Amino acid sequence: MRGRSRRRRAAAVALVCAAAAHAGGPAGPADAAPGEYSPAALYNQGNAYARQGSVAMAVLYYERARVLSPDDPDLLANLHQVRAAAGLPEEGLSWLESHARFADPDVLYWLGPIGLALASAGLLAVRFRPRRSLGRAALVAGASLLSMAALDAAATWPLMHEAVVMHAATARVSPAGGSAALFTVPAGQVVAISDDHGEFALVRTPSGQAGWVARSDLSSLI
């Protein structure tokens, strides 16, 4: 249990430190003491920013809390409320993102190794032991756990390439400040980053619009 807590805190600390670096100062009005960072602490910081009317920071902290606790109903409700109040569109999640992210990183961390161990033991038992029915059961259980871990990982992977727009940002036709403007991305919008060039990133909005945005206007989820 202590190992799991340390991994959870380490992941959360990395997320909060990234937000603090972006803001250029303390993590925020609900700043927690080192060692207390958790999905709940990130969620509370999101609540504090929401009360202040800081939509982008609220969305950023809620989204980071959701990385560690993807199915928290209170978190999802508050995130929806902040987006709706700011007029931000809901994210268009794929089937995989909507259904496969069932576990927090701690659970995912153990599913793979346990599944691999069971599958390996089952395979050996089927081949070398007379009680092959038990080996087949272990093999099936291990393969199932490995499949669950793979699906969860595939659904979580896109988060590595997503960011929150911290200020209303102009999306341009090319990665240059003087290039033609295409559209404006509102503060608090979550975008997918598909490429980068110098101080610009090529982003795609949930509606499918794409353009180059200054990296200084973005803060990565992870």
C-alpha atoms as a PDB file:
ATOM      1  CA  MET A   1       0.000   0.000   0.000  1.00  0.00           C
ATOM      2  CA  ARG A   2       2.833   2.391   0.779  1.00  0.00           C
ATOM      3  CA  GLY A   3       4.340   1.787  -2.668  1.00  0.00           C
ATOM      4  CA  ARG A   4       1.035   2.581  -4.337  1.00  0.00           C
ATOM      5  CA  SER A   5       0.657   5.773  -2.333  1.00  0.00           C
ATOM      6  CA  ARG A   6       4.167   6.880  -3.267  1.00  0.00           C
ATOM      7  CA  ARG A   7       3.513   6.296  -6.969  1.00  0.00           C
ATOM      8  CA  ARG A   8       0.192   8.170  -6.809  1.00  0.00           C
ATOM      9  CA  ARG A   9       1.793  11.121  -4.988  1.00  0.00           C
ATOM     10  CA  ALA A  10       4.738  11.204  -7.389  1.00  0.00           C
ATOM     11  CA  ALA A  11       2.441  11.356 -10.409  1.00  0.00           C
ATOM     12  CA  ALA A  12       0.281  14.049  -8.846  1.00  0.00           C
ATOM     13  CA  VAL A  13       3.300  16.096  -7.742  1.00  0.00           C
ATOM     14  CA  ALA A  14       4.621  16.082 -11.306  1.00  0.00           C
ATOM     15  CA  LEU A  15       1.275  17.334 -12.599  1.00  0.00           C
ATOM     16  CA  VAL A  16       0.953  20.086 -10.007  1.00  0.00           C
ATOM     17  CA  CYS A  17       4.556  21.220 -10.446  1.00  0.00           C
ATOM     18  CA  ALA A  18       3.949  21.558 -14.173  1.00  0.00           C
ATOM     19  CA  ALA A  19       0.961  23.796 -13.475  1.00  0.00           C
ATOM     20  CA  ALA A  20       2.952  25.864 -11.002  1.00  0.00           C
ATOM     21  CA  ALA A  21       5.727  26.344 -13.531  1.00  0.00           C
ATOM     22  CA  HIS A  22       3.189  27.510 -16.117  1.00  0.00           C
ATOM     23  CA  ALA A  23       1.609  29.966 -13.696  1.00  0.00           C
ATOM     24  CA  GLY A  24       5.015  31.265 -12.639  1.00  0.00           C
ATOM     25  CA  GLY A  25       4.310  30.876  -8.952  1.00  0.00           C
ATOM     26  CA  PRO A  26       2.573  28.764  -6.311  1.00  0.00           C
ATOM     27  CA  ALA A  27       0.217  26.076  -7.494  1.00  0.00           C
ATOM     28  CA  GLY A  28      -2.853  28.100  -6.567  1.00  0.00           C
ATOM     29  CA  PRO A  29      -5.350  29.128  -3.921  1.00  0.00           C
ATOM     30  CA  ALA A  30      -5.866  25.565  -2.740  1.00  0.00           C
ATOM     31  CA  ASP A  31      -2.164  24.743  -2.632  1.00  0.00           C
ATOM     32  CA  ALA A  32      -1.479  21.541  -0.703  1.00  0.00           C
ATOM     33  CA  ALA A  33       1.578  20.639   1.325  1.00  0.00           C
ATOM     34  CA  PRO A  34       4.110  18.263  -0.270  1.00  0.00           C
ATOM     35  CA  GLY A  35       3.074  14.659   0.270  1.00  0.00           C
ATOM     36  CA  GLU A  36      -0.645  15.512   0.239  1.00  0.00           C
ATOM     37  CA  TYR A  37      -1.042  15.729  -3.539  1.00  0.00           C
ATOM     38  CA  SER A  38      -3.690  13.346  -4.758  1.00  0.00           C
ATOM     39  CA  PRO A  39      -6.706  13.330  -7.098  1.00  0.00           C
ATOM     40  CA  ALA A  40      -8.662  14.933  -4.243  1.00  0.00           C
ATOM     41  CA  ALA A  41      -6.100  17.722  -3.819  1.00  0.00           C
ATOM     42  CA  LEU A  42      -6.055  18.455  -7.548  1.00  0.00           C
ATOM     43  CA  TYR A  43      -9.859  18.389  -7.565  1.00  0.00           C
ATOM     44  CA  ASN A  44      -9.996  20.866  -4.671  1.00  0.00           C
ATOM     45  CA  GLN A  45      -7.593  23.180  -6.480  1.00  0.00           C
ATOM     46  CA  GLY A  46      -9.852  23.011  -9.525  1.00  0.00           C
ATOM     47  CA  ASN A  47     -12.794  23.959  -7.296  1.00  0.00           C
ATOM     48  CA  ALA A  48     -10.883  26.937  -5.908  1.00  0.00           C
ATOM     49  CA  TYR A  49     -10.044  28.220  -9.383  1.00  0.00           C
ATOM     50  CA  ALA A  50     -13.657  27.674 -10.483  1.00  0.00           C
ATOM     51  CA  ARG A  51     -14.887  29.819  -7.577  1.00  0.00           C
ATOM     52  CA  GLN A  52     -12.449  32.531  -8.662  1.00  0.00           C
ATOM     53  CA  GLY A  53     -13.743  32.389 -12.212  1.00  0.00           C
ATOM     54  CA  SER A  54     -10.404  31.143 -13.585  1.00  0.00           C
ATOM     55  CA  VAL A  55     -11.901  28.801 -16.159  1.00  0.00           C
ATOM     56  CA  ALA A  56      -8.672  27.639 -17.814  1.00  0.00           C
ATOM     57  CA  MET A  57      -6.940  26.818 -14.520  1.00  0.00           C
ATOM     58  CA  ALA A  58     -10.059  25.076 -13.204  1.00  0.00           C
ATOM     59  CA  VAL A  59     -10.299  22.911 -16.320  1.00  0.00           C
ATOM     60  CA  LEU A  60      -6.549  22.186 -16.164  1.00  0.00           C
ATOM     61  CA  TYR A  61      -6.699  20.925 -12.569  1.00  0.00           C
ATOM     62  CA  TYR A  62      -9.922  18.985 -13.094  1.00  0.00           C
ATOM     63  CA  GLU A  63      -8.441  17.293 -16.168  1.00  0.00           C
ATOM     64  CA  ARG A  64      -5.248  16.436 -14.293  1.00  0.00           C
ATOM     65  CA  ALA A  65      -7.271  14.996 -11.423  1.00  0.00           C
ATOM     66  CA  ARG A  66      -9.208  12.970 -13.994  1.00  0.00           C
ATOM     67  CA  VAL A  67      -5.953  11.384 -15.195  1.00  0.00           C
ATOM     68  CA  LEU A  68      -5.582   9.836 -11.729  1.00  0.00           C
ATOM     69  CA  SER A  69      -9.285   9.266 -11.056  1.00  0.00           C
ATOM     70  CA  PRO A  70     -11.119   8.913 -14.391  1.00  0.00           C
ATOM     71  CA  ASP A  71     -14.522   7.888 -13.010  1.00  0.00           C
ATOM     72  CA  ASP A  72     -15.007  10.285 -10.079  1.00  0.00           C
ATOM     73  CA  PRO A  73     -18.645  11.470 -10.490  1.00  0.00           C
ATOM     74  CA  ASP A  74     -18.186  14.725  -8.536  1.00  0.00           C
ATOM     75  CA  LEU A  75     -15.121  15.612 -10.585  1.00  0.00           C
ATOM     76  CA  LEU A  76     -16.898  14.914 -13.873  1.00  0.00           C
ATOM     77  CA  ALA A  77     -19.949  16.915 -12.771  1.00  0.00           C
ATOM     78  CA  ASN A  78     -17.877  19.959 -11.789  1.00  0.00           C
ATOM     79  CA  LEU A  79     -15.849  19.777 -14.981  1.00  0.00           C
ATOM     80  CA  HIS A  80     -19.070  19.681 -17.011  1.00  0.00           C
ATOM     81  CA  GLN A  81     -20.488  22.635 -15.054  1.00  0.00           C
ATOM     82  CA  VAL A  82     -17.377  24.799 -15.563  1.00  0.00           C
ATOM     83  CA  ARG A  83     -17.322  24.035 -19.282  1.00  0.00           C
ATOM     84  CA  ALA A  84     -21.026  24.750 -19.673  1.00  0.00           C
ATOM     85  CA  ALA A  85     -20.805  28.054 -17.756  1.00  0.00           C
ATOM     86  CA  ALA A  86     -17.928  29.190 -19.995  1.00  0.00           C
ATOM     87  CA  GLY A  87     -19.717  28.113 -23.176  1.00  0.00           C
ATOM     88  CA  LEU A  88     -17.102  25.497 -23.966  1.00  0.00           C
ATOM     89  CA  PRO A  89     -18.174  22.493 -26.048  1.00  0.00           C
ATOM     90  CA  GLU A  90     -18.111  19.068 -24.498  1.00  0.00           C
ATOM     91  CA  GLU A  91     -15.282  16.794 -25.564  1.00  0.00           C
ATOM     92  CA  GLY A  92     -16.135  14.400 -28.361  1.00  0.00           C
ATOM     93  CA  LEU A  93     -14.737  11.207 -26.836  1.00  0.00           C
ATOM     94  CA  SER A  94     -14.207   8.103 -28.912  1.00  0.00           C
ATOM     95  CA  TRP A  95     -15.739   4.795 -27.833  1.00  0.00           C
ATOM     96  CA  LEU A  96     -12.336   3.691 -26.542  1.00  0.00           C
ATOM     97  CA  GLU A  97     -11.865   6.839 -24.445  1.00  0.00           C
ATOM     98  CA  SER A  98     -15.414   6.631 -23.086  1.00  0.00           C
ATOM     99  CA  HIS A  99     -15.411   2.951 -22.113  1.00  0.00           C
ATOM    100  CA  ALA A 100     -11.841   1.717 -21.686  1.00  0.00           C
ATOM    101  CA  ARG A 101     -10.554   4.194 -19.084  1.00  0.00           C
ATOM    102  CA  PHE A 102     -11.954   2.277 -16.126  1.00  0.00           C
ATOM    103  CA  ALA A 103      -8.938   2.393 -13.798  1.00  0.00           C
ATOM    104  CA  ASP A 104      -6.577   4.858 -12.204  1.00  0.00           C
ATOM    105  CA  PRO A 105      -2.824   4.528 -12.895  1.00  0.00           C
ATOM    106  CA  ASP A 106      -2.294   2.435  -9.750  1.00  0.00           C
ATOM    107  CA  VAL A 107      -4.704  -0.249 -10.944  1.00  0.00           C
ATOM    108  CA  LEU A 108      -3.275  -0.136 -14.456  1.00  0.00           C
ATOM    109  CA  TYR A 109       0.227  -0.501 -13.005  1.00  0.00           C
ATOM    110  CA  TRP A 110      -0.698  -3.852 -11.446  1.00  0.00           C
ATOM    111  CA  LEU A 111      -3.003  -5.276 -14.120  1.00  0.00           C
ATOM    112  CA  GLY A 112      -0.222  -5.774 -16.658  1.00  0.00           C
ATOM    113  CA  PRO A 113       2.346  -7.553 -14.433  1.00  0.00           C
ATOM    114  CA  ILE A 114      -0.285  -9.716 -12.743  1.00  0.00           C
ATOM    115  CA  GLY A 115      -1.817 -10.646 -16.089  1.00  0.00           C
ATOM    116  CA  LEU A 116       1.592 -11.475 -17.540  1.00  0.00           C
ATOM    117  CA  ALA A 117       2.480 -13.623 -14.519  1.00  0.00           C
ATOM    118  CA  LEU A 118      -0.820 -15.530 -14.659  1.00  0.00           C
ATOM    119  CA  ALA A 119      -0.595 -16.061 -18.411  1.00  0.00           C
ATOM    120  CA  SER A 120       2.990 -17.308 -18.148  1.00  0.00           C
ATOM    121  CA  ALA A 121       2.176 -19.641 -15.274  1.00  0.00           C
ATOM    122  CA  GLY A 122      -0.870 -20.928 -17.094  1.00  0.00           C
ATOM    123  CA  LEU A 123       1.095 -21.553 -20.268  1.00  0.00           C
ATOM    124  CA  LEU A 124       3.735 -23.514 -18.362  1.00  0.00           C
ATOM    125  CA  ALA A 125       1.088 -25.492 -16.488  1.00  0.00           C
ATOM    126  CA  VAL A 126      -0.732 -26.433 -19.696  1.00  0.00           C
ATOM    127  CA  ARG A 127       2.500 -27.627 -21.229  1.00  0.00           C
ATOM    128  CA  PHE A 128       4.183 -29.421 -18.358  1.00  0.00           C
ATOM    129  CA  ARG A 129       1.559 -30.245 -15.713  1.00  0.00           C
ATOM    130  CA  PRO A 130      -1.089 -32.926 -15.807  1.00  0.00           C
ATOM    131  CA  ARG A 131      -3.761 -30.618 -14.313  1.00  0.00           C
ATOM    132  CA  ARG A 132      -4.179 -28.664 -17.518  1.00  0.00           C
ATOM    133  CA  SER A 133      -7.645 -27.310 -16.664  1.00  0.00           C
ATOM    134  CA  LEU A 134      -6.153 -25.171 -13.891  1.00  0.00           C
ATOM    135  CA  GLY A 135      -3.432 -24.007 -16.268  1.00  0.00           C
ATOM    136  CA  ARG A 136      -5.996 -23.040 -18.890  1.00  0.00           C
ATOM    137  CA  ALA A 137      -7.937 -21.049 -16.307  1.00  0.00           C
ATOM    138  CA  ALA A 138      -4.808 -19.160 -15.296  1.00  0.00           C
ATOM    139  CA  LEU A 139      -3.943 -18.575 -18.948  1.00  0.00           C
ATOM    140  CA  VAL A 140      -7.407 -17.162 -19.707  1.00  0.00           C
ATOM    141  CA  ALA A 141      -7.390 -14.971 -16.586  1.00  0.00           C
ATOM    142  CA  GLY A 142      -3.932 -13.642 -17.391  1.00  0.00           C
ATOM    143  CA  ALA A 143      -4.825 -12.902 -21.000  1.00  0.00           C
ATOM    144  CA  SER A 144      -7.969 -11.094 -19.851  1.00  0.00           C
ATOM    145  CA  LEU A 145      -6.023  -8.881 -17.450  1.00  0.00           C
ATOM    146  CA  LEU A 146      -3.435  -8.116 -20.123  1.00  0.00           C
ATOM    147  CA  SER A 147      -6.213  -7.161 -22.546  1.00  0.00           C
ATOM    148  CA  MET A 148      -7.821  -4.872 -19.966  1.00  0.00           C
ATOM    149  CA  ALA A 149      -4.480  -3.201 -19.254  1.00  0.00           C
ATOM    150  CA  ALA A 150      -3.806  -2.749 -22.970  1.00  0.00           C
ATOM    151  CA  LEU A 151      -7.233  -1.185 -23.582  1.00  0.00           C
ATOM    152  CA  ASP A 152      -6.852   1.188 -20.633  1.00  0.00           C
ATOM    153  CA  ALA A 153      -3.371   2.183 -21.781  1.00  0.00           C
ATOM    154  CA  ALA A 154      -4.591   2.785 -25.338  1.00  0.00           C
ATOM    155  CA  ALA A 155      -7.390   5.010 -24.019  1.00  0.00           C
ATOM    156  CA  THR A 156      -5.009   6.929 -21.745  1.00  0.00           C
ATOM    157  CA  TRP A 157      -2.313   7.448 -24.388  1.00  0.00           C
ATOM    158  CA  PRO A 158      -4.055  10.424 -26.124  1.00  0.00           C
ATOM    159  CA  LEU A 159      -3.848  12.379 -22.853  1.00  0.00           C
ATOM    160  CA  MET A 160      -0.079  12.505 -23.369  1.00  0.00           C
ATOM    161  CA  HIS A 161      -0.743  14.723 -26.392  1.00  0.00           C
ATOM    162  CA  GLU A 162      -3.458  16.999 -25.037  1.00  0.00           C
ATOM    163  CA  ALA A 163      -3.262  20.485 -23.577  1.00  0.00           C
ATOM    164  CA  VAL A 164      -5.527  23.164 -22.124  1.00  0.00           C
ATOM    165  CA  VAL A 165      -5.604  26.590 -23.779  1.00  0.00           C
ATOM    166  CA  MET A 166      -4.747  28.985 -20.958  1.00  0.00           C
ATOM    167  CA  HIS A 167      -5.648  32.217 -22.775  1.00  0.00           C
ATOM    168  CA  ALA A 168      -7.845  32.871 -25.793  1.00  0.00           C
ATOM    169  CA  ALA A 169      -5.406  31.914 -28.538  1.00  0.00           C
ATOM    170  CA  THR A 170      -5.240  32.643 -32.242  1.00  0.00           C
ATOM    171  CA  ALA A 171      -4.810  29.586 -34.424  1.00  0.00           C
ATOM    172  CA  ARG A 172      -2.756  30.407 -37.503  1.00  0.00           C
ATOM    173  CA  VAL A 173      -2.217  28.851 -40.891  1.00  0.00           C
ATOM    174  CA  SER A 174       1.514  28.312 -40.274  1.00  0.00           C
ATOM    175  CA  PRO A 175       3.924  28.314 -37.285  1.00  0.00           C
ATOM    176  CA  ALA A 176       4.786  32.013 -37.543  1.00  0.00           C
ATOM    177  CA  GLY A 177       3.417  34.981 -35.652  1.00  0.00           C
ATOM    178  CA  GLY A 178       2.728  36.951 -38.803  1.00  0.00           C
ATOM    179  CA  SER A 179       0.828  34.230 -40.652  1.00  0.00           C
ATOM    180  CA  ALA A 180      -2.880  34.477 -41.389  1.00  0.00           C
ATOM    181  CA  ALA A 181      -5.300  33.819 -38.532  1.00  0.00           C
ATOM    182  CA  LEU A 182      -7.730  30.934 -38.938  1.00  0.00           C
ATOM    183  CA  PHE A 183      -9.839  31.007 -35.781  1.00  0.00           C
ATOM    184  CA  THR A 184      -9.682  31.725 -32.064  1.00  0.00           C
ATOM    185  CA  VAL A 185      -9.486  28.942 -29.469  1.00  0.00           C
ATOM    186  CA  PRO A 186     -11.195  29.952 -26.195  1.00  0.00           C
ATOM    187  CA  ALA A 187      -9.496  29.737 -22.820  1.00  0.00           C
ATOM    188  CA  GLY A 188     -10.172  26.421 -21.111  1.00  0.00           C
ATOM    189  CA  GLN A 189     -10.541  24.430 -24.324  1.00  0.00           C
ATOM    190  CA  VAL A 190      -8.805  21.059 -24.387  1.00  0.00           C
ATOM    191  CA  VAL A 191      -6.960  20.499 -27.659  1.00  0.00           C
ATOM    192  CA  ALA A 192      -4.937  17.657 -29.153  1.00  0.00           C
ATOM    193  CA  ILE A 193      -1.358  18.454 -30.173  1.00  0.00           C
ATOM    194  CA  SER A 194      -0.326  16.701 -33.382  1.00  0.00           C
ATOM    195  CA  ASP A 195       2.919  18.506 -34.234  1.00  0.00           C
ATOM    196  CA  ASP A 196       5.222  21.274 -33.045  1.00  0.00           C
ATOM    197  CA  HIS A 197       7.616  23.704 -34.637  1.00  0.00           C
ATOM    198  CA  GLY A 198       9.697  26.117 -32.619  1.00  0.00           C
ATOM    199  CA  GLU A 199       7.423  28.146 -30.359  1.00  0.00           C
ATOM    200  CA  PHE A 200       4.239  26.874 -32.013  1.00  0.00           C
ATOM    201  CA  ALA A 201       2.154  23.704 -31.759  1.00  0.00           C
ATOM    202  CA  LEU A 202      -0.295  22.332 -34.298  1.00  0.00           C
ATOM    203  CA  VAL A 203      -3.531  21.745 -32.395  1.00  0.00           C
ATOM    204  CA  ARG A 204      -6.867  20.205 -33.220  1.00  0.00           C
ATOM    205  CA  THR A 205     -10.075  21.208 -31.446  1.00  0.00           C
ATOM    206  CA  PRO A 206     -12.916  18.803 -30.570  1.00  0.00           C
ATOM    207  CA  SER A 207     -14.837  20.164 -33.584  1.00  0.00           C
ATOM    208  CA  GLY A 208     -11.979  19.174 -35.910  1.00  0.00           C
ATOM    209  CA  GLN A 209     -10.490  22.610 -36.598  1.00  0.00           C
ATOM    210  CA  ALA A 210      -6.709  22.653 -36.841  1.00  0.00           C
ATOM    211  CA  GLY A 211      -4.163  25.455 -36.665  1.00  0.00           C
ATOM    212  CA  TRP A 212      -0.849  26.569 -35.208  1.00  0.00           C
ATOM    213  CA  VAL A 213      -1.020  28.083 -31.698  1.00  0.00           C
ATOM    214  CA  ALA A 214       1.764  29.616 -29.618  1.00  0.00           C
ATOM    215  CA  ARG A 215       3.017  27.128 -27.035  1.00  0.00           C
ATOM    216  CA  SER A 216       2.979  29.876 -24.410  1.00  0.00           C
ATOM    217  CA  ASP A 217      -0.846  29.755 -24.619  1.00  0.00           C
ATOM    218  CA  LEU A 218      -0.956  26.021 -23.805  1.00  0.00           C
ATOM    219  CA  SER A 219      -0.422  23.881 -20.727  1.00  0.00           C
ATOM    220  CA  SER A 220      -0.058  20.118 -21.214  1.00  0.00           C
ATOM    221  CA  LEU A 221      -2.280  17.767 -19.240  1.00  0.00           C
ATOM    222  CA  ILE A 222       0.676  15.496 -18.491  1.00  0.00           C
END
